[in-house]
Amino acid sequence: MASPVHLIGANGRSGQAIARALMAEGETVIPVIRAPEKLPDDLRTSARVADLEDACALATALADATRIVSTAHARSIPAILDAAPQTACLIALGSTRKFTRWPDAHGNGVLAGEAALLASGRKGMILHPTMIYGAQGEDNVQRLAALLKRLPVIPLPNGGRSLVQPIYQDDVTRAVIAALSLAASGQIIGPESLVIAGPQAVSYRGFIEAILAAAGLGKRVFLPVPGGILEFLAPLAARLPGLPSIGRAEIRRLLEDKAFPVAPMTTRLGFAPIPLQDGLARLFASSCDAAPLAHGSRP
């Protein structure tokens, strides 16, 4: 019988999705979490309490770990490596934010976590997803759809020509499980780093058009706006009711191409990610199914 999977970050969106998938395959999941009361009942019973900043508590929680999955921010990887047994395998989520030309604490933390794993010589893999959509409660696509519903005209930085390559949550989950399988079969013998992304990049405008179509919102008028002007207007727009707060750094990142080859992912992990249109169709179909419950009705 396989050893349990110690799951750090089980209360997050990706963490819960991974926990469910592992349990569906008959795996035993031990959540390692600061606040077990935030977990569903079936995960809470096996949870171990530990704060990532409490080295002693984390070492106690991971004392018998042989397989660790972390969906916590990659900046925590050094602490996890210090606390875990030397022989334990670590599969962690990073982020393609590490490639940004506009460094910030998030991206720098990912770089630090990756560097720690690669320097450790330990068996493991850090998976760097692009923008994740489709997780229960995610607010990337859903937040955009809610905003698009209120906007007859959509301003796009530089016309929305920059490339994005979102990855569906199910594919992130499959990537983690595939990495665990590689480790179990001896195909991971040292630290690795791998980008995981959707099958192909699309322009940001194409991404918005795909969301409009999948959400049944019809067509919109697009207004190309220089990025510099949007950066100037961002603080003002944040004061208007109904509009999200978008920082200047976020607008700058909208101007970056986020396109990555998927051949390394498909070759190493053994599966191809689903197309954007299929993922969006699943997301909005599940949103419609859940809508009555969101308004307080019961099945």
C-alpha atoms as a PDB file:
ATOM      1  CA  MET A   1       0.000   0.000   0.000  1.00  0.00           C
ATOM      2  CA  ALA A   2       1.332   3.434  -0.971  1.00  0.00           C
ATOM      3  CA  SER A   3       2.365   5.804   1.773  1.00  0.00           C
ATOM      4  CA  PRO A   4       0.121   8.811   2.479  1.00  0.00           C
ATOM      5  CA  VAL A   5       0.513  12.084   0.664  1.00  0.00           C
ATOM      6  CA  HIS A   6       1.205  14.955   3.034  1.00  0.00           C
ATOM      7  CA  LEU A   7      -0.587  17.898   1.430  1.00  0.00           C
ATOM      8  CA  ILE A   8       0.407  21.436   2.362  1.00  0.00           C
ATOM      9  CA  GLY A   9      -2.158  24.040   1.322  1.00  0.00           C
ATOM     10  CA  ALA A  10      -5.131  21.670   1.279  1.00  0.00           C
ATOM     11  CA  ASN A  11      -7.564  24.490   2.046  1.00  0.00           C
ATOM     12  CA  GLY A  12      -6.684  26.408  -1.133  1.00  0.00           C
ATOM     13  CA  ARG A  13      -8.416  26.018  -4.484  1.00  0.00           C
ATOM     14  CA  SER A  14      -5.724  23.897  -6.095  1.00  0.00           C
ATOM     15  CA  GLY A  15      -5.111  22.098  -2.812  1.00  0.00           C
ATOM     16  CA  GLN A  16      -8.710  20.975  -2.466  1.00  0.00           C
ATOM     17  CA  ALA A  17      -8.864  19.890  -6.105  1.00  0.00           C
ATOM     18  CA  ILE A  18      -5.691  17.826  -5.683  1.00  0.00           C
ATOM     19  CA  ALA A  19      -6.932  16.320  -2.418  1.00  0.00           C
ATOM     20  CA  ARG A  20     -10.195  15.213  -4.052  1.00  0.00           C
ATOM     21  CA  ALA A  21      -8.399  13.690  -7.032  1.00  0.00           C
ATOM     22  CA  LEU A  22      -5.942  11.796  -4.843  1.00  0.00           C
ATOM     23  CA  MET A  23      -8.707  10.452  -2.614  1.00  0.00           C
ATOM     24  CA  ALA A  24     -10.693   9.398  -5.694  1.00  0.00           C
ATOM     25  CA  GLU A  25      -7.681   7.264  -6.664  1.00  0.00           C
ATOM     26  CA  GLY A  26      -7.670   5.619  -3.255  1.00  0.00           C
ATOM     27  CA  GLU A  27      -4.769   7.626  -1.842  1.00  0.00           C
ATOM     28  CA  THR A  28      -4.579   8.623   1.812  1.00  0.00           C
ATOM     29  CA  VAL A  29      -4.200  12.383   2.185  1.00  0.00           C
ATOM     30  CA  ILE A  30      -2.818  14.040   5.309  1.00  0.00           C
ATOM     31  CA  PRO A  31      -3.447  17.788   5.176  1.00  0.00           C
ATOM     32  CA  VAL A  32      -0.752  19.841   6.886  1.00  0.00           C
ATOM     33  CA  ILE A  33      -2.459  23.093   7.731  1.00  0.00           C
ATOM     34  CA  ARG A  34      -2.475  25.958  10.184  1.00  0.00           C
ATOM     35  CA  ALA A  35      -6.275  26.059  10.583  1.00  0.00           C
ATOM     36  CA  PRO A  36      -7.891  22.607  10.189  1.00  0.00           C
ATOM     37  CA  GLU A  37     -11.332  24.076  10.907  1.00  0.00           C
ATOM     38  CA  LYS A  38     -11.269  25.548   7.393  1.00  0.00           C
ATOM     39  CA  LEU A  39     -11.183  22.084   5.828  1.00  0.00           C
ATOM     40  CA  PRO A  40     -14.180  19.962   4.807  1.00  0.00           C
ATOM     41  CA  ASP A  41     -15.062  17.273   7.348  1.00  0.00           C
ATOM     42  CA  ASP A  42     -13.551  14.381   5.385  1.00  0.00           C
ATOM     43  CA  LEU A  43     -10.182  16.138   5.208  1.00  0.00           C
ATOM     44  CA  ARG A  44     -10.224  17.568   8.713  1.00  0.00           C
ATOM     45  CA  THR A  45     -10.130  14.196  10.461  1.00  0.00           C
ATOM     46  CA  SER A  46      -6.639  13.345   9.192  1.00  0.00           C
ATOM     47  CA  ALA A  47      -5.206  16.878   9.304  1.00  0.00           C
ATOM     48  CA  ARG A  48      -2.051  17.815  11.197  1.00  0.00           C
ATOM     49  CA  VAL A  49      -1.668  21.308  12.586  1.00  0.00           C
ATOM     50  CA  ALA A  50       1.459  23.179  11.537  1.00  0.00           C
ATOM     51  CA  ASP A  51       2.416  26.688  10.536  1.00  0.00           C
ATOM     52  CA  LEU A  52       4.968  27.001   7.758  1.00  0.00           C
ATOM     53  CA  GLU A  53       6.796  29.543   9.900  1.00  0.00           C
ATOM     54  CA  ASP A  54       6.954  27.188  12.889  1.00  0.00           C
ATOM     55  CA  ALA A  55       9.907  24.918  12.127  1.00  0.00           C
ATOM     56  CA  CYS A  56       9.312  22.542  15.047  1.00  0.00           C
ATOM     57  CA  ALA A  57       5.614  22.055  14.365  1.00  0.00           C
ATOM     58  CA  LEU A  58       6.260  21.571  10.651  1.00  0.00           C
ATOM     59  CA  ALA A  59       8.990  19.003  11.319  1.00  0.00           C
ATOM     60  CA  THR A  60       6.634  17.093  13.625  1.00  0.00           C
ATOM     61  CA  ALA A  61       3.847  17.119  11.039  1.00  0.00           C
ATOM     62  CA  LEU A  62       6.193  15.865   8.303  1.00  0.00           C
ATOM     63  CA  ALA A  63       8.254  13.471  10.429  1.00  0.00           C
ATOM     64  CA  ASP A  64       6.939  10.350   8.665  1.00  0.00           C
ATOM     65  CA  ALA A  65       6.407  11.908   5.230  1.00  0.00           C
ATOM     66  CA  THR A  66       7.655  10.157   2.118  1.00  0.00           C
ATOM     67  CA  ARG A  67       5.531  12.042  -0.429  1.00  0.00           C
ATOM     68  CA  ILE A  68       4.801  15.741   0.028  1.00  0.00           C
ATOM     69  CA  VAL A  69       2.700  17.992  -2.192  1.00  0.00           C
ATOM     70  CA  SER A  70       2.740  21.725  -1.544  1.00  0.00           C
ATOM     71  CA  THR A  71       0.351  24.205  -3.097  1.00  0.00           C
ATOM     72  CA  ALA A  72       1.520  26.918  -0.695  1.00  0.00           C
ATOM     73  CA  HIS A  73       3.516  29.784  -2.127  1.00  0.00           C
ATOM     74  CA  ALA A  74       6.881  28.572  -3.381  1.00  0.00           C
ATOM     75  CA  ARG A  75       8.663  30.898  -0.966  1.00  0.00           C
ATOM     76  CA  SER A  76       7.893  28.233   1.658  1.00  0.00           C
ATOM     77  CA  ILE A  77       9.933  25.540  -0.092  1.00  0.00           C
ATOM     78  CA  PRO A  78      13.112  26.154   1.962  1.00  0.00           C
ATOM     79  CA  ALA A  79      11.146  25.701   5.202  1.00  0.00           C
ATOM     80  CA  ILE A  80       9.526  22.518   3.882  1.00  0.00           C
ATOM     81  CA  LEU A  81      12.874  21.077   2.811  1.00  0.00           C
ATOM     82  CA  ASP A  82      14.362  21.832   6.211  1.00  0.00           C
ATOM     83  CA  ALA A  83      11.462  20.158   8.014  1.00  0.00           C
ATOM     84  CA  ALA A  84      10.968  17.111   5.784  1.00  0.00           C
ATOM     85  CA  PRO A  85      12.922  13.850   5.928  1.00  0.00           C
ATOM     86  CA  GLN A  86      15.830  13.793   3.499  1.00  0.00           C
ATOM     87  CA  THR A  87      14.306  10.890   1.599  1.00  0.00           C
ATOM     88  CA  ALA A  88      10.895  12.512   1.112  1.00  0.00           C
ATOM     89  CA  CYS A  89       9.854  13.535  -2.395  1.00  0.00           C
ATOM     90  CA  LEU A  90       8.454  17.060  -2.775  1.00  0.00           C
ATOM     91  CA  ILE A  91       6.092  18.112  -5.560  1.00  0.00           C
ATOM     92  CA  ALA A  92       5.436  21.852  -5.302  1.00  0.00           C
ATOM     93  CA  LEU A  93       3.568  24.494  -7.258  1.00  0.00           C
ATOM     94  CA  GLY A  94       5.455  27.568  -8.367  1.00  0.00           C
ATOM     95  CA  SER A  95       4.305  30.116 -10.936  1.00  0.00           C
ATOM     96  CA  THR A  96       5.312  31.482 -14.308  1.00  0.00           C
ATOM     97  CA  ARG A  97       5.371  34.852 -12.547  1.00  0.00           C
ATOM     98  CA  LYS A  98       9.050  34.035 -12.123  1.00  0.00           C
ATOM     99  CA  PHE A  99       9.540  35.107 -15.752  1.00  0.00           C
ATOM    100  CA  THR A 100       8.076  38.605 -15.375  1.00  0.00           C
ATOM    101  CA  ARG A 101      10.079  41.638 -16.420  1.00  0.00           C
ATOM    102  CA  TRP A 102       8.507  43.483 -13.484  1.00  0.00           C
ATOM    103  CA  PRO A 103       9.868  41.661 -10.424  1.00  0.00           C
ATOM    104  CA  ASP A 104       7.763  41.663  -7.283  1.00  0.00           C
ATOM    105  CA  ALA A 105       7.606  39.782  -4.000  1.00  0.00           C
ATOM    106  CA  HIS A 106       5.479  37.039  -5.542  1.00  0.00           C
ATOM    107  CA  GLY A 107       7.831  36.347  -8.423  1.00  0.00           C
ATOM    108  CA  ASN A 108      10.940  36.684  -6.302  1.00  0.00           C
ATOM    109  CA  GLY A 109       9.505  34.205  -3.808  1.00  0.00           C
ATOM    110  CA  VAL A 110       8.932  31.694  -6.593  1.00  0.00           C
ATOM    111  CA  LEU A 111      12.512  32.120  -7.789  1.00  0.00           C
ATOM    112  CA  ALA A 112      13.827  31.632  -4.255  1.00  0.00           C
ATOM    113  CA  GLY A 113      11.758  28.484  -3.732  1.00  0.00           C
ATOM    114  CA  GLU A 114      12.848  27.020  -7.054  1.00  0.00           C
ATOM    115  CA  ALA A 115      16.486  27.785  -6.322  1.00  0.00           C
ATOM    116  CA  ALA A 116      16.221  26.079  -2.927  1.00  0.00           C
ATOM    117  CA  LEU A 117      14.771  22.901  -4.429  1.00  0.00           C
ATOM    118  CA  LEU A 118      17.275  22.742  -7.286  1.00  0.00           C
ATOM    119  CA  ALA A 119      20.198  23.341  -4.929  1.00  0.00           C
ATOM    120  CA  SER A 120      19.002  20.729  -2.457  1.00  0.00           C
ATOM    121  CA  GLY A 121      19.681  17.749  -4.696  1.00  0.00           C
ATOM    122  CA  ARG A 122      16.492  16.240  -3.272  1.00  0.00           C
ATOM    123  CA  LYS A 123      13.999  14.184  -5.249  1.00  0.00           C
ATOM    124  CA  GLY A 124      11.205  16.477  -6.341  1.00  0.00           C
ATOM    125  CA  MET A 125       9.652  18.728  -8.927  1.00  0.00           C
ATOM    126  CA  ILE A 126       8.406  22.301  -8.937  1.00  0.00           C
ATOM    127  CA  LEU A 127       5.609  22.834 -11.431  1.00  0.00           C
ATOM    128  CA  HIS A 128       5.163  26.388 -12.698  1.00  0.00           C
ATOM    129  CA  PRO A 129       1.575  26.893 -13.899  1.00  0.00           C
ATOM    130  CA  THR A 130       0.444  29.801 -16.003  1.00  0.00           C
ATOM    131  CA  MET A 131      -2.795  31.499 -14.928  1.00  0.00           C
ATOM    132  CA  ILE A 132      -5.023  28.797 -13.447  1.00  0.00           C
ATOM    133  CA  TYR A 133      -8.737  28.839 -14.183  1.00  0.00           C
ATOM    134  CA  GLY A 134     -11.565  26.437 -13.496  1.00  0.00           C
ATOM    135  CA  ALA A 135     -10.963  25.685  -9.819  1.00  0.00           C
ATOM    136  CA  GLN A 136     -13.995  25.855  -7.561  1.00  0.00           C
ATOM    137  CA  GLY A 137     -14.205  29.438  -6.343  1.00  0.00           C
ATOM    138  CA  GLU A 138     -11.387  30.735  -8.571  1.00  0.00           C
ATOM    139  CA  ASP A 139     -11.566  34.430  -9.333  1.00  0.00           C
ATOM    140  CA  ASN A 140      -9.515  34.820 -12.507  1.00  0.00           C
ATOM    141  CA  VAL A 141     -12.013  34.033 -15.254  1.00  0.00           C
ATOM    142  CA  GLN A 142     -15.054  34.418 -13.003  1.00  0.00           C
ATOM    143  CA  ARG A 143     -13.992  37.897 -11.926  1.00  0.00           C
ATOM    144  CA  LEU A 144     -13.364  38.856 -15.542  1.00  0.00           C
ATOM    145  CA  ALA A 145     -16.769  37.546 -16.608  1.00  0.00           C
ATOM    146  CA  ALA A 146     -18.500  39.525 -13.860  1.00  0.00           C
ATOM    147  CA  LEU A 147     -16.682  42.658 -14.987  1.00  0.00           C
ATOM    148  CA  LEU A 148     -17.352  42.056 -18.677  1.00  0.00           C
ATOM    149  CA  LYS A 149     -21.067  41.745 -17.934  1.00  0.00           C
ATOM    150  CA  ARG A 150     -21.061  45.408 -16.867  1.00  0.00           C
ATOM    151  CA  LEU A 151     -18.838  46.811 -19.612  1.00  0.00           C
ATOM    152  CA  PRO A 152     -20.273  47.616 -23.057  1.00  0.00           C
ATOM    153  CA  VAL A 153     -16.823  48.832 -24.112  1.00  0.00           C
ATOM    154  CA  ILE A 154     -13.689  46.962 -23.074  1.00  0.00           C
ATOM    155  CA  PRO A 155     -10.404  48.887 -22.876  1.00  0.00           C
ATOM    156  CA  LEU A 156      -7.437  46.673 -23.665  1.00  0.00           C
ATOM    157  CA  PRO A 157      -3.786  47.559 -23.107  1.00  0.00           C
ATOM    158  CA  ASN A 158      -2.229  47.961 -26.555  1.00  0.00           C
ATOM    159  CA  GLY A 159      -5.272  46.371 -28.117  1.00  0.00           C
ATOM    160  CA  GLY A 160      -4.923  43.101 -26.214  1.00  0.00           C
ATOM    161  CA  ARG A 161      -2.141  41.804 -28.449  1.00  0.00           C
ATOM    162  CA  SER A 162      -0.101  40.283 -25.629  1.00  0.00           C
ATOM    163  CA  LEU A 163      -0.209  36.514 -25.333  1.00  0.00           C
ATOM    164  CA  VAL A 164      -1.634  34.443 -22.484  1.00  0.00           C
ATOM    165  CA  GLN A 165      -1.797  30.679 -22.049  1.00  0.00           C
ATOM    166  CA  PRO A 166      -4.158  29.768 -19.175  1.00  0.00           C
ATOM    167  CA  ILE A 167      -4.220  26.244 -17.771  1.00  0.00           C
ATOM    168  CA  TYR A 168      -7.351  24.487 -16.544  1.00  0.00           C
ATOM    169  CA  GLN A 169      -7.349  23.369 -12.904  1.00  0.00           C
ATOM    170  CA  ASP A 170      -7.933  19.730 -13.850  1.00  0.00           C
ATOM    171  CA  ASP A 171      -4.672  19.810 -15.809  1.00  0.00           C
ATOM    172  CA  VAL A 172      -2.808  21.282 -12.836  1.00  0.00           C
ATOM    173  CA  THR A 173      -4.183  18.434 -10.733  1.00  0.00           C
ATOM    174  CA  ARG A 174      -3.215  15.872 -13.366  1.00  0.00           C
ATOM    175  CA  ALA A 175       0.280  17.331 -13.497  1.00  0.00           C
ATOM    176  CA  VAL A 176       0.758  16.918  -9.742  1.00  0.00           C
ATOM    177  CA  ILE A 177      -0.521  13.343  -9.806  1.00  0.00           C
ATOM    178  CA  ALA A 178       1.658  12.532 -12.827  1.00  0.00           C
ATOM    179  CA  ALA A 179       4.708  13.923 -11.020  1.00  0.00           C
ATOM    180  CA  LEU A 180       3.921  11.766  -7.980  1.00  0.00           C
ATOM    181  CA  SER A 181       3.677   8.730 -10.253  1.00  0.00           C
ATOM    182  CA  LEU A 182       7.040   9.518 -11.836  1.00  0.00           C
ATOM    183  CA  ALA A 183       8.595   9.761  -8.403  1.00  0.00           C
ATOM    184  CA  ALA A 184       7.007   6.479  -7.294  1.00  0.00           C
ATOM    185  CA  SER A 185       8.387   4.674 -10.343  1.00  0.00           C
ATOM    186  CA  GLY A 186      11.890   6.031  -9.831  1.00  0.00           C
ATOM    187  CA  GLN A 187      11.748   8.382 -12.813  1.00  0.00           C
ATOM    188  CA  ILE A 188      12.436  11.411 -10.649  1.00  0.00           C
ATOM    189  CA  ILE A 189      15.823  11.018  -9.015  1.00  0.00           C
ATOM    190  CA  GLY A 190      16.707  14.651  -8.372  1.00  0.00           C
ATOM    191  CA  PRO A 191      15.142  18.118  -8.385  1.00  0.00           C
ATOM    192  CA  GLU A 192      13.362  19.296 -11.518  1.00  0.00           C
ATOM    193  CA  SER A 193      11.551  22.427 -12.692  1.00  0.00           C
ATOM    194  CA  LEU A 194       8.785  22.339 -15.291  1.00  0.00           C
ATOM    195  CA  VAL A 195       6.360  24.873 -16.772  1.00  0.00           C
ATOM    196  CA  ILE A 196       2.767  23.668 -17.157  1.00  0.00           C
ATOM    197  CA  ALA A 197       0.397  25.593 -19.415  1.00  0.00           C
ATOM    198  CA  GLY A 198      -2.588  25.355 -21.714  1.00  0.00           C
ATOM    199  CA  PRO A 199      -2.040  23.811 -25.149  1.00  0.00           C
ATOM    200  CA  GLN A 200      -1.463  27.089 -26.977  1.00  0.00           C
ATOM    201  CA  ALA A 201      -1.118  30.794 -26.382  1.00  0.00           C
ATOM    202  CA  VAL A 202      -3.850  33.215 -27.439  1.00  0.00           C
ATOM    203  CA  SER A 203      -3.936  36.990 -27.528  1.00  0.00           C
ATOM    204  CA  TYR A 204      -5.437  38.657 -24.483  1.00  0.00           C
ATOM    205  CA  ARG A 205      -8.228  39.929 -26.732  1.00  0.00           C
ATOM    206  CA  GLY A 206      -8.840  36.375 -27.937  1.00  0.00           C
ATOM    207  CA  PHE A 207      -8.952  35.260 -24.298  1.00  0.00           C
ATOM    208  CA  ILE A 208     -11.600  37.901 -23.503  1.00  0.00           C
ATOM    209  CA  GLU A 209     -13.610  36.939 -26.596  1.00  0.00           C
ATOM    210  CA  ALA A 210     -13.501  33.281 -25.532  1.00  0.00           C
ATOM    211  CA  ILE A 211     -14.820  34.204 -22.068  1.00  0.00           C
ATOM    212  CA  LEU A 212     -17.613  36.316 -23.582  1.00  0.00           C
ATOM    213  CA  ALA A 213     -18.652  33.410 -25.808  1.00  0.00           C
ATOM    214  CA  ALA A 214     -18.513  30.766 -23.075  1.00  0.00           C
ATOM    215  CA  ALA A 215     -20.423  32.953 -20.606  1.00  0.00           C
ATOM    216  CA  GLY A 216     -23.081  33.800 -23.192  1.00  0.00           C
ATOM    217  CA  LEU A 217     -22.416  37.532 -22.899  1.00  0.00           C
ATOM    218  CA  GLY A 218     -22.410  38.319 -26.610  1.00  0.00           C
ATOM    219  CA  LYS A 219     -19.983  40.596 -28.379  1.00  0.00           C
ATOM    220  CA  ARG A 220     -18.383  43.757 -27.059  1.00  0.00           C
ATOM    221  CA  VAL A 221     -16.613  46.768 -28.484  1.00  0.00           C
ATOM    222  CA  PHE A 222     -12.875  46.740 -27.816  1.00  0.00           C
ATOM    223  CA  LEU A 223     -11.029  49.978 -27.230  1.00  0.00           C
ATOM    224  CA  PRO A 224      -7.241  49.824 -27.701  1.00  0.00           C
ATOM    225  CA  VAL A 225      -5.569  51.954 -25.034  1.00  0.00           C
ATOM    226  CA  PRO A 226      -1.830  52.562 -24.609  1.00  0.00           C
ATOM    227  CA  GLY A 227      -0.557  50.791 -21.527  1.00  0.00           C
ATOM    228  CA  GLY A 228       0.865  54.007 -20.088  1.00  0.00           C
ATOM    229  CA  ILE A 229      -2.562  55.657 -20.101  1.00  0.00           C
ATOM    230  CA  LEU A 230      -4.148  52.665 -18.362  1.00  0.00           C
ATOM    231  CA  GLU A 231      -1.415  52.771 -15.726  1.00  0.00           C
ATOM    232  CA  PHE A 232      -2.269  56.433 -15.105  1.00  0.00           C
ATOM    233  CA  LEU A 233      -6.031  55.766 -14.937  1.00  0.00           C
ATOM    234  CA  ALA A 234      -5.827  52.624 -12.767  1.00  0.00           C
ATOM    235  CA  PRO A 235      -5.845  54.441  -9.375  1.00  0.00           C
ATOM    236  CA  LEU A 236      -8.828  56.537 -10.513  1.00  0.00           C
ATOM    237  CA  ALA A 237     -10.817  53.562 -11.809  1.00  0.00           C
ATOM    238  CA  ALA A 238     -10.371  51.779  -8.490  1.00  0.00           C
ATOM    239  CA  ARG A 239     -12.486  54.484  -6.839  1.00  0.00           C
ATOM    240  CA  LEU A 240     -15.482  53.840  -9.089  1.00  0.00           C
ATOM    241  CA  PRO A 241     -18.136  51.450  -7.716  1.00  0.00           C
ATOM    242  CA  GLY A 242     -18.294  48.079  -9.424  1.00  0.00           C
ATOM    243  CA  LEU A 243     -14.819  48.240 -10.922  1.00  0.00           C
ATOM    244  CA  PRO A 244     -11.996  46.075  -9.599  1.00  0.00           C
ATOM    245  CA  SER A 245      -8.805  47.462  -8.163  1.00  0.00           C
ATOM    246  CA  ILE A 246      -6.055  46.936 -10.740  1.00  0.00           C
ATOM    247  CA  GLY A 247      -2.553  48.089  -9.894  1.00  0.00           C
ATOM    248  CA  ARG A 248      -0.046  49.552 -12.291  1.00  0.00           C
ATOM    249  CA  ALA A 249       2.182  46.500 -11.940  1.00  0.00           C
ATOM    250  CA  GLU A 250      -0.728  44.276 -12.979  1.00  0.00           C
ATOM    251  CA  ILE A 251      -1.314  46.387 -16.077  1.00  0.00           C
ATOM    252  CA  ARG A 252       2.368  46.164 -16.945  1.00  0.00           C
ATOM    253  CA  ARG A 253       2.193  42.388 -16.730  1.00  0.00           C
ATOM    254  CA  LEU A 254      -0.768  42.466 -19.125  1.00  0.00           C
ATOM    255  CA  LEU A 255       1.653  43.835 -21.691  1.00  0.00           C
ATOM    256  CA  GLU A 256       3.997  40.862 -21.347  1.00  0.00           C
ATOM    257  CA  ASP A 257       3.738  37.796 -23.548  1.00  0.00           C
ATOM    258  CA  LYS A 258       3.133  34.726 -21.399  1.00  0.00           C
ATOM    259  CA  ALA A 259       3.627  31.982 -23.967  1.00  0.00           C
ATOM    260  CA  PHE A 260       5.432  28.721 -23.310  1.00  0.00           C
ATOM    261  CA  PRO A 261       6.171  25.507 -25.227  1.00  0.00           C
ATOM    262  CA  VAL A 262       4.104  22.608 -23.905  1.00  0.00           C
ATOM    263  CA  ALA A 263       6.206  19.811 -25.411  1.00  0.00           C
ATOM    264  CA  PRO A 264       8.360  19.501 -22.254  1.00  0.00           C
ATOM    265  CA  MET A 265       5.193  19.175 -20.159  1.00  0.00           C
ATOM    266  CA  THR A 266       3.466  16.647 -22.394  1.00  0.00           C
ATOM    267  CA  THR A 267       6.637  14.601 -22.811  1.00  0.00           C
ATOM    268  CA  ARG A 268       7.560  14.540 -19.130  1.00  0.00           C
ATOM    269  CA  LEU A 269       4.097  14.160 -17.626  1.00  0.00           C
ATOM    270  CA  GLY A 270       2.475  12.065 -20.336  1.00  0.00           C
ATOM    271  CA  PHE A 271      -0.689  14.018 -21.106  1.00  0.00           C
ATOM    272  CA  ALA A 272      -1.854  16.949 -23.218  1.00  0.00           C
ATOM    273  CA  PRO A 273      -3.709  19.868 -21.591  1.00  0.00           C
ATOM    274  CA  ILE A 274      -7.267  20.640 -22.678  1.00  0.00           C
ATOM    275  CA  PRO A 275      -7.988  23.543 -25.067  1.00  0.00           C
ATOM    276  CA  LEU A 276      -9.154  26.864 -23.637  1.00  0.00           C
ATOM    277  CA  GLN A 277     -12.599  26.675 -25.234  1.00  0.00           C
ATOM    278  CA  ASP A 278     -13.240  23.256 -23.676  1.00  0.00           C
ATOM    279  CA  GLY A 279     -12.085  24.390 -20.250  1.00  0.00           C
ATOM    280  CA  LEU A 280     -14.235  27.517 -20.362  1.00  0.00           C
ATOM    281  CA  ALA A 281     -17.250  25.475 -21.471  1.00  0.00           C
ATOM    282  CA  ARG A 282     -16.798  23.186 -18.459  1.00  0.00           C
ATOM    283  CA  LEU A 283     -16.302  26.126 -16.109  1.00  0.00           C
ATOM    284  CA  PHE A 284     -19.428  28.016 -17.119  1.00  0.00           C
ATOM    285  CA  ALA A 285     -21.507  24.841 -17.309  1.00  0.00           C
ATOM    286  CA  SER A 286     -20.575  24.048 -13.711  1.00  0.00           C
ATOM    287  CA  SER A 287     -21.216  27.676 -12.711  1.00  0.00           C
ATOM    288  CA  CYS A 288     -24.734  27.474 -14.120  1.00  0.00           C
ATOM    289  CA  ASP A 289     -25.354  24.217 -12.281  1.00  0.00           C
ATOM    290  CA  ALA A 290     -24.195  25.781  -9.025  1.00  0.00           C
ATOM    291  CA  ALA A 291     -26.032  29.091  -9.476  1.00  0.00           C
ATOM    292  CA  PRO A 292     -29.280  28.107  -7.673  1.00  0.00           C
ATOM    293  CA  LEU A 293     -27.302  26.954  -4.637  1.00  0.00           C
ATOM    294  CA  ALA A 294     -25.401  30.242  -4.589  1.00  0.00           C
ATOM    295  CA  HIS A 295     -28.716  32.015  -4.074  1.00  0.00           C
ATOM    296  CA  GLY A 296     -29.683  29.889  -1.118  1.00  0.00           C
ATOM    297  CA  SER A 297     -31.837  27.160  -2.657  1.00  0.00           C
ATOM    298  CA  ARG A 298     -31.288  23.480  -1.904  1.00  0.00           C
ATOM    299  CA  PRO A 299     -31.302  20.453  -4.215  1.00  0.00           C
END
